[in-house]
Amino acid sequence: MSGHAAGAVNEAVISPDGNYLAYVASEPGRQGQGVWVRQVSAASNTQQIVAPAEGASYGALLFSPDSQHLYYGAAQEGAGPP
């Protein structure tokens, strides 16, 4: 993906090595939130990690210490314990 026109950005975090920015954002015209990662040194190198899904929200973004992995929490609106 060459670029991303984000709607509201709800959370953002920079990787420990400073090379990546991960963020949770909504997209104009779509319901729900998605998780995105972009390489800081390349303004146009943005990758969608999780596509927006209706009623889904994401957060608690955390990079691994070596910056090779991104962890996140997910919740679905209306979902309760099993």
N, C-alpha and C. Protein backbone atom coordinates (compact mmCIF):
# COMPACT_ATOMS: atom_id res chain seq x y z
N MET A 1 0.86 -1.17 0.00
CA MET A 1 0.00 0.00 0.00
C MET A 1 0.90 1.23 0.00
N SER A 2 0.66 2.14 -0.88
CA SER A 2 1.55 3.29 -1.01
C SER A 2 1.28 4.40 -0.02
N GLY A 3 0.08 4.53 0.48
CA GLY A 3 -0.22 5.61 1.41
C GLY A 3 -1.53 5.33 2.12
N HIS A 4 -1.83 6.17 3.10
CA HIS A 4 -3.05 5.97 3.87
C HIS A 4 -3.57 7.31 4.32
N ALA A 5 -4.82 7.58 3.97
CA ALA A 5 -5.47 8.79 4.44
C ALA A 5 -6.26 8.44 5.69
N ALA A 6 -5.64 8.62 6.83
CA ALA A 6 -6.26 8.22 8.10
C ALA A 6 -7.37 9.16 8.49
N GLY A 7 -8.36 8.59 9.14
CA GLY A 7 -9.38 9.39 9.80
C GLY A 7 -8.81 9.72 11.17
N ALA A 8 -9.55 9.41 12.20
CA ALA A 8 -9.11 9.67 13.57
C ALA A 8 -8.09 8.63 14.00
N VAL A 9 -6.94 9.09 14.45
CA VAL A 9 -5.92 8.20 15.00
C VAL A 9 -6.16 8.11 16.50
N ASN A 10 -6.36 6.91 17.00
CA ASN A 10 -6.70 6.70 18.40
C ASN A 10 -5.51 6.37 19.27
N GLU A 11 -4.48 5.78 18.70
CA GLU A 11 -3.29 5.39 19.46
C GLU A 11 -2.13 5.26 18.49
N ALA A 12 -0.94 5.60 18.94
CA ALA A 12 0.26 5.45 18.12
C ALA A 12 1.44 5.09 19.01
N VAL A 13 2.39 4.34 18.45
CA VAL A 13 3.59 3.94 19.18
C VAL A 13 4.75 3.82 18.19
N ILE A 14 5.93 4.20 18.64
CA ILE A 14 7.14 4.09 17.82
C ILE A 14 7.93 2.87 18.29
N SER A 15 8.49 2.12 17.35
CA SER A 15 9.26 0.93 17.68
C SER A 15 10.52 1.30 18.47
N PRO A 16 11.05 0.36 19.26
CA PRO A 16 12.25 0.64 20.05
C PRO A 16 13.45 1.11 19.22
N ASP A 17 13.58 0.62 17.98
CA ASP A 17 14.70 1.06 17.15
C ASP A 17 14.42 2.37 16.41
N GLY A 18 13.20 2.92 16.57
CA GLY A 18 12.85 4.20 15.96
C GLY A 18 12.54 4.14 14.48
N ASN A 19 12.47 2.94 13.89
CA ASN A 19 12.26 2.82 12.45
C ASN A 19 10.80 2.73 12.04
N TYR A 20 9.90 2.37 12.95
CA TYR A 20 8.51 2.13 12.59
C TYR A 20 7.56 2.88 13.50
N LEU A 21 6.43 3.27 12.93
CA LEU A 21 5.33 3.88 13.66
C LEU A 21 4.11 2.99 13.43
N ALA A 22 3.52 2.52 14.50
CA ALA A 22 2.28 1.74 14.41
C ALA A 22 1.17 2.59 14.98
N TYR A 23 -0.02 2.49 14.38
CA TYR A 23 -1.14 3.29 14.89
C TYR A 23 -2.47 2.63 14.60
N VAL A 24 -3.44 2.96 15.41
CA VAL A 24 -4.82 2.52 15.25
C VAL A 24 -5.59 3.71 14.69
N ALA A 25 -6.31 3.50 13.60
CA ALA A 25 -7.03 4.60 12.97
C ALA A 25 -8.30 4.11 12.32
N SER A 26 -9.26 5.01 12.22
CA SER A 26 -10.45 4.75 11.43
C SER A 26 -10.19 5.26 10.02
N GLU A 27 -10.96 4.76 9.07
CA GLU A 27 -10.83 5.22 7.69
C GLU A 27 -12.09 5.96 7.29
N PRO A 28 -11.96 7.08 6.61
CA PRO A 28 -13.15 7.79 6.14
C PRO A 28 -14.02 6.87 5.28
N GLY A 29 -15.31 6.82 5.58
CA GLY A 29 -16.22 6.01 4.80
C GLY A 29 -16.33 4.56 5.22
N ARG A 30 -15.55 4.13 6.22
CA ARG A 30 -15.62 2.74 6.69
C ARG A 30 -15.87 2.74 8.19
N GLN A 31 -16.58 1.73 8.65
CA GLN A 31 -16.84 1.61 10.08
C GLN A 31 -15.77 0.73 10.71
N GLY A 32 -15.46 1.00 11.96
CA GLY A 32 -14.45 0.23 12.67
C GLY A 32 -13.08 0.86 12.56
N GLN A 33 -12.11 0.21 13.15
CA GLN A 33 -10.73 0.70 13.17
C GLN A 33 -9.82 -0.33 12.52
N GLY A 34 -8.66 0.13 12.08
CA GLY A 34 -7.64 -0.74 11.54
C GLY A 34 -6.32 -0.47 12.22
N VAL A 35 -5.38 -1.39 12.06
CA VAL A 35 -4.03 -1.22 12.60
C VAL A 35 -3.08 -1.05 11.42
N TRP A 36 -2.25 -0.03 11.49
CA TRP A 36 -1.35 0.33 10.40
C TRP A 36 0.07 0.45 10.93
N VAL A 37 1.05 0.17 10.06
CA VAL A 37 2.46 0.35 10.37
C VAL A 37 3.10 1.08 9.21
N ARG A 38 3.93 2.06 9.54
CA ARG A 38 4.67 2.76 8.48
C ARG A 38 6.12 2.88 8.87
N GLN A 39 6.98 2.82 7.89
CA GLN A 39 8.41 3.00 8.10
C GLN A 39 8.65 4.50 8.20
N VAL A 40 9.27 4.93 9.29
CA VAL A 40 9.44 6.35 9.56
C VAL A 40 10.24 7.04 8.46
N SER A 41 11.29 6.41 7.96
CA SER A 41 12.15 7.05 6.96
C SER A 41 11.55 7.08 5.56
N ALA A 42 10.48 6.34 5.32
CA ALA A 42 9.85 6.30 4.00
C ALA A 42 8.39 6.72 4.14
N ALA A 43 8.11 7.97 3.89
CA ALA A 43 6.78 8.54 4.13
C ALA A 43 5.67 7.78 3.41
N SER A 44 5.95 7.14 2.29
CA SER A 44 4.89 6.48 1.53
C SER A 44 4.80 4.98 1.78
N ASN A 45 5.63 4.42 2.66
CA ASN A 45 5.63 2.98 2.89
C ASN A 45 4.75 2.64 4.10
N THR A 46 3.43 2.58 3.89
CA THR A 46 2.47 2.27 4.94
C THR A 46 1.82 0.93 4.64
N GLN A 47 1.72 0.07 5.66
CA GLN A 47 1.10 -1.23 5.47
C GLN A 47 -0.03 -1.41 6.47
N GLN A 48 -1.14 -1.90 5.97
CA GLN A 48 -2.27 -2.18 6.84
C GLN A 48 -2.06 -3.58 7.42
N ILE A 49 -2.06 -3.67 8.75
CA ILE A 49 -1.85 -4.95 9.44
C ILE A 49 -3.19 -5.63 9.69
N VAL A 50 -4.19 -4.86 10.11
CA VAL A 50 -5.53 -5.39 10.37
C VAL A 50 -6.53 -4.46 9.69
N ALA A 51 -7.37 -5.03 8.84
CA ALA A 51 -8.38 -4.23 8.13
C ALA A 51 -9.49 -3.82 9.09
N PRO A 52 -10.07 -2.64 8.87
CA PRO A 52 -11.20 -2.23 9.70
C PRO A 52 -12.35 -3.22 9.59
N ALA A 53 -12.95 -3.49 10.73
CA ALA A 53 -14.12 -4.36 10.77
C ALA A 53 -15.18 -3.68 11.61
N GLU A 54 -16.42 -3.76 11.16
CA GLU A 54 -17.51 -3.10 11.88
C GLU A 54 -17.58 -3.58 13.32
N GLY A 55 -17.60 -2.64 14.26
CA GLY A 55 -17.71 -2.96 15.67
C GLY A 55 -16.42 -3.39 16.34
N ALA A 56 -15.32 -3.43 15.60
CA ALA A 56 -14.04 -3.86 16.18
C ALA A 56 -13.24 -2.65 16.63
N SER A 57 -12.53 -2.81 17.73
CA SER A 57 -11.61 -1.78 18.17
C SER A 57 -10.30 -2.43 18.59
N TYR A 58 -9.22 -1.71 18.42
CA TYR A 58 -7.89 -2.22 18.68
C TYR A 58 -7.15 -1.25 19.58
N GLY A 59 -6.16 -1.75 20.29
CA GLY A 59 -5.36 -0.88 21.16
C GLY A 59 -4.25 -1.65 21.83
N ALA A 60 -3.63 -1.02 22.82
CA ALA A 60 -2.51 -1.60 23.56
C ALA A 60 -1.39 -2.02 22.63
N LEU A 61 -1.09 -1.17 21.65
CA LEU A 61 -0.02 -1.48 20.70
C LEU A 61 1.31 -1.59 21.42
N LEU A 62 2.09 -2.62 21.06
CA LEU A 62 3.39 -2.85 21.69
C LEU A 62 4.31 -3.55 20.70
N PHE A 63 5.47 -2.95 20.46
CA PHE A 63 6.49 -3.61 19.65
C PHE A 63 7.33 -4.51 20.53
N SER A 64 7.84 -5.59 19.95
CA SER A 64 8.79 -6.44 20.66
C SER A 64 10.09 -5.64 20.85
N PRO A 65 10.93 -6.03 21.81
CA PRO A 65 12.18 -5.29 22.06
C PRO A 65 13.08 -5.16 20.82
N ASP A 66 13.03 -6.16 19.91
CA ASP A 66 13.87 -6.10 18.71
C ASP A 66 13.16 -5.40 17.54
N SER A 67 11.96 -4.88 17.77
CA SER A 67 11.16 -4.13 16.78
C SER A 67 10.68 -4.99 15.61
N GLN A 68 10.78 -6.30 15.70
CA GLN A 68 10.39 -7.19 14.61
C GLN A 68 8.94 -7.62 14.66
N HIS A 69 8.27 -7.45 15.80
CA HIS A 69 6.89 -7.89 15.96
C HIS A 69 6.05 -6.79 16.60
N LEU A 70 4.79 -6.75 16.21
CA LEU A 70 3.85 -5.80 16.79
C LEU A 70 2.72 -6.60 17.45
N TYR A 71 2.43 -6.28 18.69
CA TYR A 71 1.35 -6.92 19.43
C TYR A 71 0.24 -5.90 19.65
N TYR A 72 -1.00 -6.37 19.69
CA TYR A 72 -2.13 -5.46 19.91
C TYR A 72 -3.28 -6.22 20.55
N GLY A 73 -4.13 -5.49 21.21
CA GLY A 73 -5.35 -6.05 21.77
C GLY A 73 -6.51 -5.76 20.84
N ALA A 74 -7.52 -6.63 20.88
CA ALA A 74 -8.69 -6.46 20.03
C ALA A 74 -9.96 -6.71 20.84
N ALA A 75 -11.00 -5.96 20.54
CA ALA A 75 -12.30 -6.15 21.17
C ALA A 75 -13.38 -6.00 20.12
N GLN A 76 -14.43 -6.78 20.26
CA GLN A 76 -15.57 -6.71 19.36
C GLN A 76 -16.75 -6.17 20.11
N GLU A 77 -17.38 -5.13 19.59
CA GLU A 77 -18.54 -4.53 20.23
C GLU A 77 -19.63 -5.58 20.45
N GLY A 78 -20.14 -5.63 21.66
CA GLY A 78 -21.21 -6.56 21.98
C GLY A 78 -20.74 -7.94 22.36
N ALA A 79 -19.44 -8.20 22.24
CA ALA A 79 -18.91 -9.52 22.60
C ALA A 79 -18.75 -9.60 24.11
N GLY A 80 -19.17 -10.67 24.68
CA GLY A 80 -19.03 -10.86 26.13
C GLY A 80 -18.23 -12.11 26.39
N PRO A 81 -18.04 -12.42 27.65
CA PRO A 81 -17.31 -13.64 27.97
C PRO A 81 -18.05 -14.88 27.47
N PRO A 82 -17.30 -15.93 27.13
CA PRO A 82 -17.95 -17.14 26.61
C PRO A 82 -18.80 -17.83 27.65
